[in-house]
Each structure stands twice: as structure tokens, then as C-alpha cells.
N, C-alpha and C. Protein backbone atom coordinates (compact mmCIF):
# COMPACT_ATOMS: atom_id res chain seq x y z
N SER A 1 0.84 -1.20 0.00
CA SER A 1 0.00 0.00 0.00
C SER A 1 0.87 1.25 0.00
N MET A 2 0.38 2.29 -0.63
CA MET A 2 1.12 3.55 -0.70
C MET A 2 0.83 4.42 0.51
N GLN A 3 -0.04 3.97 1.37
CA GLN A 3 -0.50 4.78 2.49
C GLN A 3 0.65 5.34 3.32
N GLY A 4 1.63 4.51 3.61
CA GLY A 4 2.74 4.93 4.46
C GLY A 4 3.61 5.99 3.83
N ASN A 5 3.52 6.15 2.50
CA ASN A 5 4.38 7.11 1.83
C ASN A 5 3.66 8.41 1.50
N ALA A 6 2.47 8.58 2.02
CA ALA A 6 1.67 9.76 1.68
C ALA A 6 2.41 11.06 2.01
N ALA A 7 3.15 11.04 3.13
CA ALA A 7 3.85 12.26 3.55
C ALA A 7 5.02 12.59 2.66
N LEU A 8 5.42 11.64 1.81
CA LEU A 8 6.62 11.85 1.00
C LEU A 8 6.31 12.37 -0.39
N LYS A 9 5.06 12.73 -0.65
CA LYS A 9 4.73 13.24 -1.98
C LYS A 9 5.28 14.65 -2.15
N THR A 10 6.44 14.74 -2.75
CA THR A 10 7.00 16.05 -3.03
C THR A 10 6.97 16.23 -4.54
N ASN A 11 7.20 17.45 -5.02
CA ASN A 11 7.17 17.65 -6.47
C ASN A 11 8.56 17.43 -7.07
N THR A 12 9.42 16.70 -6.38
CA THR A 12 10.73 16.38 -6.94
C THR A 12 10.67 14.97 -7.49
N CYS A 13 11.65 14.61 -8.29
CA CYS A 13 11.66 13.27 -8.88
C CYS A 13 12.60 12.36 -8.09
N LEU A 14 12.86 12.71 -6.85
CA LEU A 14 13.78 11.91 -6.04
C LEU A 14 13.12 10.62 -5.59
N THR A 15 13.95 9.63 -5.30
CA THR A 15 13.40 8.36 -4.82
C THR A 15 12.76 8.55 -3.46
N VAL A 16 11.70 7.80 -3.23
CA VAL A 16 11.03 7.82 -1.94
C VAL A 16 11.88 7.02 -0.96
N LEU A 17 12.19 7.62 0.16
CA LEU A 17 13.00 6.93 1.16
C LEU A 17 12.16 6.00 2.01
N THR A 18 12.76 4.91 2.44
CA THR A 18 12.11 3.98 3.35
C THR A 18 13.01 3.79 4.56
N THR A 19 12.46 3.21 5.60
CA THR A 19 13.25 2.95 6.81
C THR A 19 14.46 2.08 6.48
N GLU A 20 14.30 1.14 5.54
CA GLU A 20 15.41 0.26 5.17
C GLU A 20 16.62 1.05 4.67
N ASP A 21 16.37 2.19 4.02
CA ASP A 21 17.48 2.99 3.50
C ASP A 21 18.41 3.47 4.62
N PHE A 22 17.87 3.56 5.83
CA PHE A 22 18.65 4.06 6.97
C PHE A 22 19.31 2.94 7.77
N ALA A 23 19.04 1.68 7.37
CA ALA A 23 19.45 0.54 8.19
C ALA A 23 20.97 0.45 8.36
N SER A 24 21.72 0.89 7.36
CA SER A 24 23.18 0.77 7.43
C SER A 24 23.84 2.00 8.06
N ILE A 25 23.03 2.98 8.43
CA ILE A 25 23.57 4.23 9.01
C ILE A 25 23.88 3.99 10.49
N PRO A 26 25.03 4.48 10.97
CA PRO A 26 25.37 4.28 12.39
C PRO A 26 24.32 4.83 13.34
N GLN A 27 24.08 4.10 14.41
CA GLN A 27 23.09 4.47 15.41
C GLN A 27 23.34 5.88 15.97
N ASP A 28 24.61 6.20 16.18
CA ASP A 28 24.97 7.51 16.74
C ASP A 28 24.47 8.65 15.85
N TRP A 29 24.62 8.48 14.54
CA TRP A 29 24.19 9.50 13.57
C TRP A 29 22.67 9.60 13.57
N LEU A 30 22.00 8.44 13.58
CA LEU A 30 20.53 8.43 13.59
C LEU A 30 19.99 9.17 14.81
N GLN A 31 20.62 8.92 15.96
CA GLN A 31 20.14 9.58 17.19
C GLN A 31 20.33 11.09 17.11
N LYS A 32 21.46 11.52 16.55
CA LYS A 32 21.70 12.97 16.41
C LYS A 32 20.67 13.62 15.49
N VAL A 33 20.41 12.95 14.37
CA VAL A 33 19.41 13.48 13.44
C VAL A 33 18.03 13.50 14.09
N TYR A 34 17.73 12.42 14.81
CA TYR A 34 16.43 12.33 15.48
C TYR A 34 16.24 13.49 16.45
N ARG A 35 17.26 13.71 17.29
CA ARG A 35 17.14 14.80 18.28
C ARG A 35 17.02 16.16 17.60
N ALA A 36 17.79 16.36 16.53
CA ALA A 36 17.73 17.64 15.82
C ALA A 36 16.34 17.86 15.21
N CYS A 37 15.74 16.79 14.68
CA CYS A 37 14.39 16.90 14.10
C CYS A 37 13.35 17.20 15.18
N VAL A 38 13.51 16.54 16.33
CA VAL A 38 12.54 16.74 17.42
C VAL A 38 12.50 18.20 17.84
N ILE A 39 13.66 18.85 17.91
CA ILE A 39 13.68 20.26 18.33
C ILE A 39 13.60 21.21 17.15
N GLY A 40 13.53 20.66 15.93
CA GLY A 40 13.38 21.51 14.76
C GLY A 40 14.63 22.28 14.38
N ASP A 41 15.80 21.72 14.71
CA ASP A 41 17.07 22.37 14.37
C ASP A 41 17.54 21.89 12.99
N PHE A 42 16.99 22.52 11.95
CA PHE A 42 17.29 22.05 10.60
C PHE A 42 18.70 22.40 10.15
N ASP A 43 19.32 23.41 10.77
CA ASP A 43 20.74 23.68 10.46
C ASP A 43 21.57 22.48 10.87
N GLN A 44 21.28 21.95 12.05
CA GLN A 44 21.98 20.76 12.53
C GLN A 44 21.67 19.54 11.65
N VAL A 45 20.41 19.39 11.26
CA VAL A 45 20.04 18.27 10.39
C VAL A 45 20.87 18.33 9.11
N MET A 46 20.97 19.52 8.51
CA MET A 46 21.73 19.67 7.27
C MET A 46 23.22 19.40 7.49
N ARG A 47 23.76 19.86 8.61
CA ARG A 47 25.17 19.57 8.90
C ARG A 47 25.41 18.07 8.97
N LEU A 48 24.50 17.37 9.64
CA LEU A 48 24.64 15.92 9.77
C LEU A 48 24.53 15.22 8.42
N ILE A 49 23.58 15.67 7.60
CA ILE A 49 23.39 15.05 6.29
C ILE A 49 24.66 15.21 5.44
N LYS A 50 25.33 16.35 5.58
CA LYS A 50 26.53 16.59 4.79
C LYS A 50 27.71 15.71 5.22
N GLU A 51 27.56 15.03 6.38
CA GLU A 51 28.61 14.11 6.83
C GLU A 51 28.58 12.79 6.07
N ILE A 52 27.46 12.46 5.43
CA ILE A 52 27.38 11.17 4.75
C ILE A 52 27.77 11.36 3.28
N PRO A 53 28.29 10.30 2.65
CA PRO A 53 28.77 10.43 1.26
C PRO A 53 27.65 10.84 0.32
N THR A 54 28.00 11.58 -0.71
CA THR A 54 27.04 12.00 -1.72
C THR A 54 26.41 10.76 -2.36
N SER A 55 25.11 10.77 -2.43
CA SER A 55 24.38 9.62 -2.98
C SER A 55 22.94 10.04 -3.24
N THR A 56 22.20 9.17 -3.90
CA THR A 56 20.77 9.43 -4.10
C THR A 56 20.08 9.52 -2.75
N PHE A 57 20.49 8.65 -1.84
CA PHE A 57 19.92 8.66 -0.49
C PHE A 57 20.13 10.03 0.16
N ARG A 58 21.36 10.53 0.09
CA ARG A 58 21.64 11.83 0.72
C ARG A 58 20.83 12.94 0.05
N SER A 59 20.75 12.91 -1.27
CA SER A 59 19.98 13.95 -1.98
C SER A 59 18.51 13.94 -1.57
N SER A 60 17.96 12.74 -1.43
CA SER A 60 16.56 12.62 -1.04
C SER A 60 16.35 13.14 0.38
N LEU A 61 17.31 12.83 1.24
CA LEU A 61 17.23 13.29 2.63
C LEU A 61 17.36 14.81 2.70
N GLU A 62 18.28 15.36 1.90
CA GLU A 62 18.45 16.81 1.85
C GLU A 62 17.17 17.49 1.38
N ALA A 63 16.50 16.87 0.41
CA ALA A 63 15.24 17.45 -0.10
C ALA A 63 14.20 17.51 1.01
N LEU A 64 14.12 16.45 1.82
CA LEU A 64 13.17 16.45 2.94
C LEU A 64 13.53 17.55 3.94
N ALA A 65 14.81 17.67 4.25
CA ALA A 65 15.24 18.69 5.21
C ALA A 65 14.99 20.09 4.66
N ASP A 66 15.20 20.25 3.35
CA ASP A 66 14.95 21.54 2.69
C ASP A 66 13.50 21.97 2.86
N GLU A 67 12.62 20.99 2.87
CA GLU A 67 11.19 21.28 2.99
C GLU A 67 10.72 21.20 4.44
N PHE A 68 11.69 21.12 5.36
CA PHE A 68 11.40 21.07 6.80
C PHE A 68 10.45 19.93 7.15
N GLN A 69 10.67 18.78 6.51
CA GLN A 69 9.81 17.61 6.73
C GLN A 69 10.30 16.80 7.93
N ALA A 70 10.35 17.43 9.09
CA ALA A 70 10.86 16.75 10.29
C ALA A 70 10.06 15.51 10.61
N GLU A 71 8.74 15.62 10.52
CA GLU A 71 7.89 14.47 10.88
C GLU A 71 8.17 13.28 9.98
N THR A 72 8.37 13.54 8.70
CA THR A 72 8.66 12.46 7.76
C THR A 72 9.98 11.79 8.11
N ILE A 73 11.01 12.60 8.38
CA ILE A 73 12.31 12.05 8.74
C ILE A 73 12.20 11.25 10.04
N LEU A 74 11.48 11.79 11.01
CA LEU A 74 11.31 11.09 12.29
C LEU A 74 10.62 9.74 12.09
N GLU A 75 9.57 9.73 11.26
CA GLU A 75 8.85 8.48 11.02
C GLU A 75 9.76 7.44 10.39
N LEU A 76 10.66 7.88 9.51
CA LEU A 76 11.55 6.96 8.82
C LEU A 76 12.59 6.35 9.77
N ILE A 77 13.15 7.18 10.63
CA ILE A 77 14.25 6.67 11.46
C ILE A 77 13.80 6.16 12.83
N GLN A 78 12.61 6.52 13.25
CA GLN A 78 12.15 6.12 14.59
C GLN A 78 12.25 4.61 14.84
N PRO A 79 11.85 3.76 13.86
CA PRO A 79 11.93 2.32 14.14
C PRO A 79 13.36 1.83 14.39
N LEU A 80 14.35 2.59 13.97
CA LEU A 80 15.75 2.17 14.09
C LEU A 80 16.43 2.72 15.34
N ILE A 81 15.78 3.66 16.02
CA ILE A 81 16.40 4.27 17.19
C ILE A 81 16.29 3.32 18.37
N GLU A 82 17.43 3.00 18.96
CA GLU A 82 17.45 2.10 20.12
C GLU A 82 17.17 2.90 21.39
N ASN A 83 16.51 2.26 22.34
CA ASN A 83 16.23 2.86 23.65
C ASN A 83 15.53 4.21 23.53
N LEU A 84 14.58 4.30 22.61
CA LEU A 84 13.91 5.58 22.39
C LEU A 84 13.24 6.08 23.67
N SER A 85 12.61 5.17 24.39
CA SER A 85 11.87 5.57 25.58
C SER A 85 12.80 6.05 26.71
N ASN A 86 14.06 5.63 26.68
CA ASN A 86 14.99 6.04 27.75
C ASN A 86 15.74 7.33 27.41
N ASN A 87 15.48 7.88 26.22
CA ASN A 87 16.19 9.10 25.84
C ASN A 87 15.51 10.30 26.48
N SER A 88 15.74 10.53 27.76
CA SER A 88 15.06 11.63 28.43
C SER A 88 15.79 12.92 28.13
């Protein structure tokens, strides 16, 4: 079903990101991006994105950050964040 990707309808021709795309990303980086999205610090989100090698994945992620799609990014990486409930 396309239901889960409804939030990703942008007018760009970039690939739609899935949680699997983030599976190989280090946990430390995911947590930093997660925290930055939660507080809406998109400057930090962009700095973090620029740490990963140039790729279609990075371009797609940059496009989401450009459009301030924090909720979409959070939904994608949330399943991969360890100890989410203990991150006080």
C-alpha cells in the first residue's frame, strides 16, 4: 500500500526513502538526526546530512530537510532508534 508514503509526496523526482534505507547508518548519527528533528534544528540536520557520502539517499534526505519535513524524517528513522523511551 502507498498509504505509508503519503507524507513523502514532493514535487521532486527523487526516490522515496524507506526505513530500510537508513538501516546501514550508524546508530549515533541516527540519534543525532532524530534529536535535531525533534527540536526543529534544521541547520543541525543539514550539517549531519553533509557528513554522509554523496548519494541518491543523501539527496533525497536533503530534499526532505529543505522542505522542513521533520515528521517524515522522524517516522523513517524512529523504528531504528534504540532505547527511544529512555532518551530523556
